[in-house]
């Protein structure tokens, strides 16, 4: 089961954290292509998956072969299971995004860095909370206090990572939320 578009758009506003190094990698959340949507009844509330601690960014590969002043975008989607684990990572193309799918030593090193990083990401699972009334669902807190039931659900998330080398050949690792 995957969560509704409106809830993913809210997730896009969440900041994953920032870190500065000698390289630049940006991470953006995206709506997965063809994502299924589920309807939430008026007496239900959807909880987005919650990050357990900061989500570190991929390291910029030391032996990159990018010329100064360039950027490479790699796009991934993955499942956050009903237990909060990251699984089924897929590199893909997103509509309107310059997602690199070609093969090269540099791109493969970046992909490996992303895969290694995503292995360290963990979440509290997304969930559907059911309440006795619509008012109870609407006024409930982010922990679904007072819910009749809380059912963890798997969701599909998508991110794009932008690896950048500035005009001086320097880079830094940062992340920010998508617009």
C-alpha atoms as a PDB file:
ATOM      1  CA  UNK A   1       0.000   0.000   0.000  1.00  0.00           C
ATOM      2  CA  UNK A   2       1.308   3.473  -0.833  1.00  0.00           C
ATOM      3  CA  UNK A   3       0.265   6.780   0.633  1.00  0.00           C
ATOM      4  CA  UNK A   4      -1.716   9.552  -1.079  1.00  0.00           C
ATOM      5  CA  UNK A   5      -0.074  12.264  -3.113  1.00  0.00           C
ATOM      6  CA  UNK A   6      -1.126  14.971  -0.679  1.00  0.00           C
ATOM      7  CA  UNK A   7       0.762  13.286   2.133  1.00  0.00           C
ATOM      8  CA  UNK A   8       3.902  12.900   0.010  1.00  0.00           C
ATOM      9  CA  UNK A   9       3.751  16.592  -0.788  1.00  0.00           C
ATOM     10  CA  UNK A  10       3.751  17.281   2.950  1.00  0.00           C
ATOM     11  CA  UNK A  11       6.754  14.956   3.253  1.00  0.00           C
ATOM     12  CA  UNK A  12       8.572  17.044   0.663  1.00  0.00           C
ATOM     13  CA  UNK A  13       8.563  19.889   3.165  1.00  0.00           C
ATOM     14  CA  UNK A  14      10.497  17.865   5.746  1.00  0.00           C
ATOM     15  CA  UNK A  15      14.207  18.632   5.959  1.00  0.00           C
ATOM     16  CA  UNK A  16      16.529  15.646   6.070  1.00  0.00           C
ATOM     17  CA  UNK A  17      19.459  17.546   7.650  1.00  0.00           C
ATOM     18  CA  UNK A  18      22.573  19.373   6.484  1.00  0.00           C
ATOM     19  CA  UNK A  19      26.287  18.674   6.477  1.00  0.00           C
ATOM     20  CA  UNK A  20      29.134  20.521   4.750  1.00  0.00           C
ATOM     21  CA  UNK A  21      32.249  18.833   3.379  1.00  0.00           C
ATOM     22  CA  UNK A  22      34.579  19.442   0.473  1.00  0.00           C
ATOM     23  CA  UNK A  23      31.975  18.091  -2.004  1.00  0.00           C
ATOM     24  CA  UNK A  24      28.384  18.943  -2.841  1.00  0.00           C
ATOM     25  CA  UNK A  25      25.598  16.386  -2.929  1.00  0.00           C
ATOM     26  CA  UNK A  26      22.002  17.560  -2.669  1.00  0.00           C
ATOM     27  CA  UNK A  27      19.068  15.284  -1.902  1.00  0.00           C
ATOM     28  CA  UNK A  28      15.489  16.075  -2.897  1.00  0.00           C
ATOM     29  CA  UNK A  29      12.342  14.061  -2.232  1.00  0.00           C
ATOM     30  CA  UNK A  30      10.165  13.440  -5.303  1.00  0.00           C
ATOM     31  CA  UNK A  31       6.767  11.902  -5.972  1.00  0.00           C
ATOM     32  CA  UNK A  32       7.394   8.369  -7.301  1.00  0.00           C
ATOM     33  CA  UNK A  33       6.275   7.925 -10.902  1.00  0.00           C
ATOM     34  CA  UNK A  34       3.002   6.011 -11.057  1.00  0.00           C
ATOM     35  CA  UNK A  35       2.694   5.846  -7.279  1.00  0.00           C
ATOM     36  CA  UNK A  36      -0.484   4.200  -6.115  1.00  0.00           C
ATOM     37  CA  UNK A  37      -2.735   6.286  -3.969  1.00  0.00           C
ATOM     38  CA  UNK A  38      -4.933   5.106  -1.136  1.00  0.00           C
ATOM     39  CA  UNK A  39      -8.043   6.771   0.136  1.00  0.00           C
ATOM     40  CA  UNK A  40      -8.168   7.658   3.789  1.00  0.00           C
ATOM     41  CA  UNK A  41     -11.633   7.668   5.360  1.00  0.00           C
ATOM     42  CA  UNK A  42     -12.719  10.709   7.345  1.00  0.00           C
ATOM     43  CA  UNK A  43     -12.242   8.776  10.597  1.00  0.00           C
ATOM     44  CA  UNK A  44      -8.684   7.817   9.624  1.00  0.00           C
ATOM     45  CA  UNK A  45      -5.381   9.648   9.704  1.00  0.00           C
ATOM     46  CA  UNK A  46      -2.258   8.874   7.698  1.00  0.00           C
ATOM     47  CA  UNK A  47       1.130   9.136   9.395  1.00  0.00           C
ATOM     48  CA  UNK A  48       4.124   9.681   7.149  1.00  0.00           C
ATOM     49  CA  UNK A  49       7.168   7.526   7.770  1.00  0.00           C
ATOM     50  CA  UNK A  50       9.288   9.240  10.395  1.00  0.00           C
ATOM     51  CA  UNK A  51      13.032   9.487  10.129  1.00  0.00           C
ATOM     52  CA  UNK A  52      14.946   7.845  12.950  1.00  0.00           C
ATOM     53  CA  UNK A  53      17.742  10.336  13.429  1.00  0.00           C
ATOM     54  CA  UNK A  54      19.245  12.434  10.654  1.00  0.00           C
ATOM     55  CA  UNK A  55      19.444  10.973   7.160  1.00  0.00           C
ATOM     56  CA  UNK A  56      23.102  11.250   6.147  1.00  0.00           C
ATOM     57  CA  UNK A  57      23.936  12.170   2.572  1.00  0.00           C
ATOM     58  CA  UNK A  58      25.987  10.063   0.213  1.00  0.00           C
ATOM     59  CA  UNK A  59      29.707  10.743   0.228  1.00  0.00           C
ATOM     60  CA  UNK A  60      31.085  12.271  -2.950  1.00  0.00           C
ATOM     61  CA  UNK A  61      33.437   9.616  -4.427  1.00  0.00           C
ATOM     62  CA  UNK A  62      37.082  10.582  -3.943  1.00  0.00           C
ATOM     63  CA  UNK A  63      38.138   9.594  -7.444  1.00  0.00           C
ATOM     64  CA  UNK A  64      35.332  11.348  -9.320  1.00  0.00           C
ATOM     65  CA  UNK A  65      35.828  12.168 -12.968  1.00  0.00           C
ATOM     66  CA  UNK A  66      33.583  15.215 -13.216  1.00  0.00           C
ATOM     67  CA  UNK A  67      34.910  18.433 -14.688  1.00  0.00           C
ATOM     68  CA  UNK A  68      34.631  21.628 -12.648  1.00  0.00           C
ATOM     69  CA  UNK A  69      31.307  23.427 -12.912  1.00  0.00           C
ATOM     70  CA  UNK A  70      29.224  20.320 -13.583  1.00  0.00           C
ATOM     71  CA  UNK A  71      26.400  18.525 -11.811  1.00  0.00           C
ATOM     72  CA  UNK A  72      25.072  14.981 -12.085  1.00  0.00           C
ATOM     73  CA  UNK A  73      21.584  13.992 -10.930  1.00  0.00           C
ATOM     74  CA  UNK A  74      20.879  10.410  -9.863  1.00  0.00           C
ATOM     75  CA  UNK A  75      17.283   9.454  -9.070  1.00  0.00           C
ATOM     76  CA  UNK A  76      16.170   6.594  -6.850  1.00  0.00           C
ATOM     77  CA  UNK A  77      12.973   5.210  -5.461  1.00  0.00           C
ATOM     78  CA  UNK A  78      12.741   2.797  -2.565  1.00  0.00           C
ATOM     79  CA  UNK A  79      10.237   1.144  -0.289  1.00  0.00           C
ATOM     80  CA  UNK A  80       9.993   1.953   3.396  1.00  0.00           C
ATOM     81  CA  UNK A  81       8.564  -1.316   4.716  1.00  0.00           C
ATOM     82  CA  UNK A  82       5.872  -1.627   7.358  1.00  0.00           C
ATOM     83  CA  UNK A  83       8.780  -2.228   9.749  1.00  0.00           C
ATOM     84  CA  UNK A  84      10.596   0.973   8.697  1.00  0.00           C
ATOM     85  CA  UNK A  85      13.379  -0.662   6.676  1.00  0.00           C
ATOM     86  CA  UNK A  86      14.615   0.682   3.319  1.00  0.00           C
ATOM     87  CA  UNK A  87      14.301  -1.953   0.585  1.00  0.00           C
ATOM     88  CA  UNK A  88      14.004  -2.352  -3.179  1.00  0.00           C
ATOM     89  CA  UNK A  89      16.149   0.639  -4.204  1.00  0.00           C
ATOM     90  CA  UNK A  90      15.753   1.382  -7.920  1.00  0.00           C
ATOM     91  CA  UNK A  91      17.668   3.922  -9.990  1.00  0.00           C
ATOM     92  CA  UNK A  92      15.274   5.436 -12.491  1.00  0.00           C
ATOM     93  CA  UNK A  93      14.245   8.444 -14.522  1.00  0.00           C
ATOM     94  CA  UNK A  94      11.749  10.967 -13.093  1.00  0.00           C
ATOM     95  CA  UNK A  95       9.587  13.096 -15.340  1.00  0.00           C
ATOM     96  CA  UNK A  96      11.112  16.544 -15.769  1.00  0.00           C
ATOM     97  CA  UNK A  97      14.371  15.582 -14.014  1.00  0.00           C
ATOM     98  CA  UNK A  98      17.783  15.102 -15.673  1.00  0.00           C
ATOM     99  CA  UNK A  99      18.312  11.664 -14.079  1.00  0.00           C
ATOM    100  CA  UNK A 100      21.497   9.984 -15.315  1.00  0.00           C
ATOM    101  CA  UNK A 101      21.015   6.310 -16.183  1.00  0.00           C
ATOM    102  CA  UNK A 102      24.107   5.768 -18.340  1.00  0.00           C
ATOM    103  CA  UNK A 103      26.987   3.677 -17.042  1.00  0.00           C
ATOM    104  CA  UNK A 104      30.441   5.032 -16.242  1.00  0.00           C
ATOM    105  CA  UNK A 105      32.999   4.489 -13.514  1.00  0.00           C
ATOM    106  CA  UNK A 106      32.179   7.854 -11.890  1.00  0.00           C
ATOM    107  CA  UNK A 107      28.413   7.336 -12.029  1.00  0.00           C
ATOM    108  CA  UNK A 108      28.732   3.805 -10.689  1.00  0.00           C
ATOM    109  CA  UNK A 109      30.820   5.120  -7.766  1.00  0.00           C
ATOM    110  CA  UNK A 110      28.084   7.686  -7.060  1.00  0.00           C
ATOM    111  CA  UNK A 111      25.400   4.977  -7.245  1.00  0.00           C
ATOM    112  CA  UNK A 112      27.361   2.835  -4.801  1.00  0.00           C
ATOM    113  CA  UNK A 113      27.667   5.800  -2.436  1.00  0.00           C
ATOM    114  CA  UNK A 114      23.884   6.306  -2.605  1.00  0.00           C
ATOM    115  CA  UNK A 115      23.194   2.598  -1.994  1.00  0.00           C
ATOM    116  CA  UNK A 116      25.614   2.517   0.957  1.00  0.00           C
ATOM    117  CA  UNK A 117      23.937   5.605   2.414  1.00  0.00           C
ATOM    118  CA  UNK A 118      20.373   4.352   1.962  1.00  0.00           C
ATOM    119  CA  UNK A 119      21.334   1.178   3.864  1.00  0.00           C
ATOM    120  CA  UNK A 120      21.914   3.399   6.910  1.00  0.00           C
ATOM    121  CA  UNK A 121      18.564   5.226   6.649  1.00  0.00           C
ATOM    122  CA  UNK A 122      15.842   4.011   8.975  1.00  0.00           C
ATOM    123  CA  UNK A 123      12.320   5.122   9.607  1.00  0.00           C
ATOM    124  CA  UNK A 124       9.358   4.655  11.856  1.00  0.00           C
ATOM    125  CA  UNK A 125       6.916   2.994   9.462  1.00  0.00           C
ATOM    126  CA  UNK A 126       4.091   4.935   7.874  1.00  0.00           C
ATOM    127  CA  UNK A 127       0.725   4.070   9.376  1.00  0.00           C
ATOM    128  CA  UNK A 128      -3.012   4.417   9.005  1.00  0.00           C
ATOM    129  CA  UNK A 129      -4.711   5.281  12.284  1.00  0.00           C
ATOM    130  CA  UNK A 130      -8.410   4.613  12.710  1.00  0.00           C
ATOM    131  CA  UNK A 131     -10.538   6.631  15.120  1.00  0.00           C
ATOM    132  CA  UNK A 132     -14.107   6.403  16.308  1.00  0.00           C
ATOM    133  CA  UNK A 133     -15.049   9.691  14.605  1.00  0.00           C
ATOM    134  CA  UNK A 134     -13.760  12.104  11.980  1.00  0.00           C
ATOM    135  CA  UNK A 135     -13.370  14.787  14.689  1.00  0.00           C
ATOM    136  CA  UNK A 136     -11.173  12.476  16.745  1.00  0.00           C
ATOM    137  CA  UNK A 137      -8.984  11.795  13.690  1.00  0.00           C
ATOM    138  CA  UNK A 138      -8.730  15.493  12.844  1.00  0.00           C
ATOM    139  CA  UNK A 139      -7.769  16.579  16.356  1.00  0.00           C
ATOM    140  CA  UNK A 140      -5.397  13.703  17.091  1.00  0.00           C
ATOM    141  CA  UNK A 141      -1.701  14.396  17.580  1.00  0.00           C
ATOM    142  CA  UNK A 142       1.107  13.071  15.376  1.00  0.00           C
ATOM    143  CA  UNK A 143       1.263   9.890  17.438  1.00  0.00           C
ATOM    144  CA  UNK A 144      -2.410   9.018  16.877  1.00  0.00           C
ATOM    145  CA  UNK A 145      -3.193   9.167  20.571  1.00  0.00           C
ATOM    146  CA  UNK A 146      -6.672   7.742  21.144  1.00  0.00           C
ATOM    147  CA  UNK A 147      -6.791   5.731  17.918  1.00  0.00           C
ATOM    148  CA  UNK A 148      -8.805   2.522  17.870  1.00  0.00           C
ATOM    149  CA  UNK A 149      -6.075   0.963  15.733  1.00  0.00           C
ATOM    150  CA  UNK A 150      -2.745   1.893  14.166  1.00  0.00           C
ATOM    151  CA  UNK A 151      -1.765  -0.190  11.144  1.00  0.00           C
ATOM    152  CA  UNK A 152       1.796   0.142   9.785  1.00  0.00           C
ATOM    153  CA  UNK A 153       1.944   0.327   5.976  1.00  0.00           C
ATOM    154  CA  UNK A 154       4.725   0.142   3.408  1.00  0.00           C
ATOM    155  CA  UNK A 155       5.221   3.229   1.224  1.00  0.00           C
ATOM    156  CA  UNK A 156       7.322   4.057  -1.811  1.00  0.00           C
ATOM    157  CA  UNK A 157       9.523   7.159  -1.641  1.00  0.00           C
ATOM    158  CA  UNK A 158      11.645   8.766  -4.326  1.00  0.00           C
ATOM    159  CA  UNK A 159      14.724  10.970  -4.018  1.00  0.00           C
ATOM    160  CA  UNK A 160      17.092  12.662  -6.406  1.00  0.00           C
ATOM    161  CA  UNK A 161      20.694  13.309  -5.468  1.00  0.00           C
ATOM    162  CA  UNK A 162      22.693  16.035  -7.213  1.00  0.00           C
ATOM    163  CA  UNK A 163      26.483  15.662  -7.173  1.00  0.00           C
ATOM    164  CA  UNK A 164      28.113  19.015  -7.992  1.00  0.00           C
ATOM    165  CA  UNK A 165      31.658  20.222  -8.591  1.00  0.00           C
ATOM    166  CA  UNK A 166      31.890  24.038  -8.472  1.00  0.00           C
ATOM    167  CA  UNK A 167      33.906  26.105 -10.927  1.00  0.00           C
ATOM    168  CA  UNK A 168      36.931  25.923  -8.602  1.00  0.00           C
ATOM    169  CA  UNK A 169      36.804  22.132  -8.480  1.00  0.00           C
ATOM    170  CA  UNK A 170      35.407  22.103  -4.919  1.00  0.00           C
ATOM    171  CA  UNK A 171      32.258  20.420  -3.718  1.00  0.00           C
ATOM    172  CA  UNK A 172      30.237  20.180  -0.498  1.00  0.00           C
ATOM    173  CA  UNK A 173      27.645  17.753   0.833  1.00  0.00           C
ATOM    174  CA  UNK A 174      24.298  19.335   1.671  1.00  0.00           C
ATOM    175  CA  UNK A 175      20.644  18.405   1.526  1.00  0.00           C
ATOM    176  CA  UNK A 176      17.507  20.456   1.454  1.00  0.00           C
ATOM    177  CA  UNK A 177      13.842  19.812   1.020  1.00  0.00           C
ATOM    178  CA  UNK A 178      12.322  19.869  -2.442  1.00  0.00           C
ATOM    179  CA  UNK A 179      10.371  22.894  -3.522  1.00  0.00           C
END
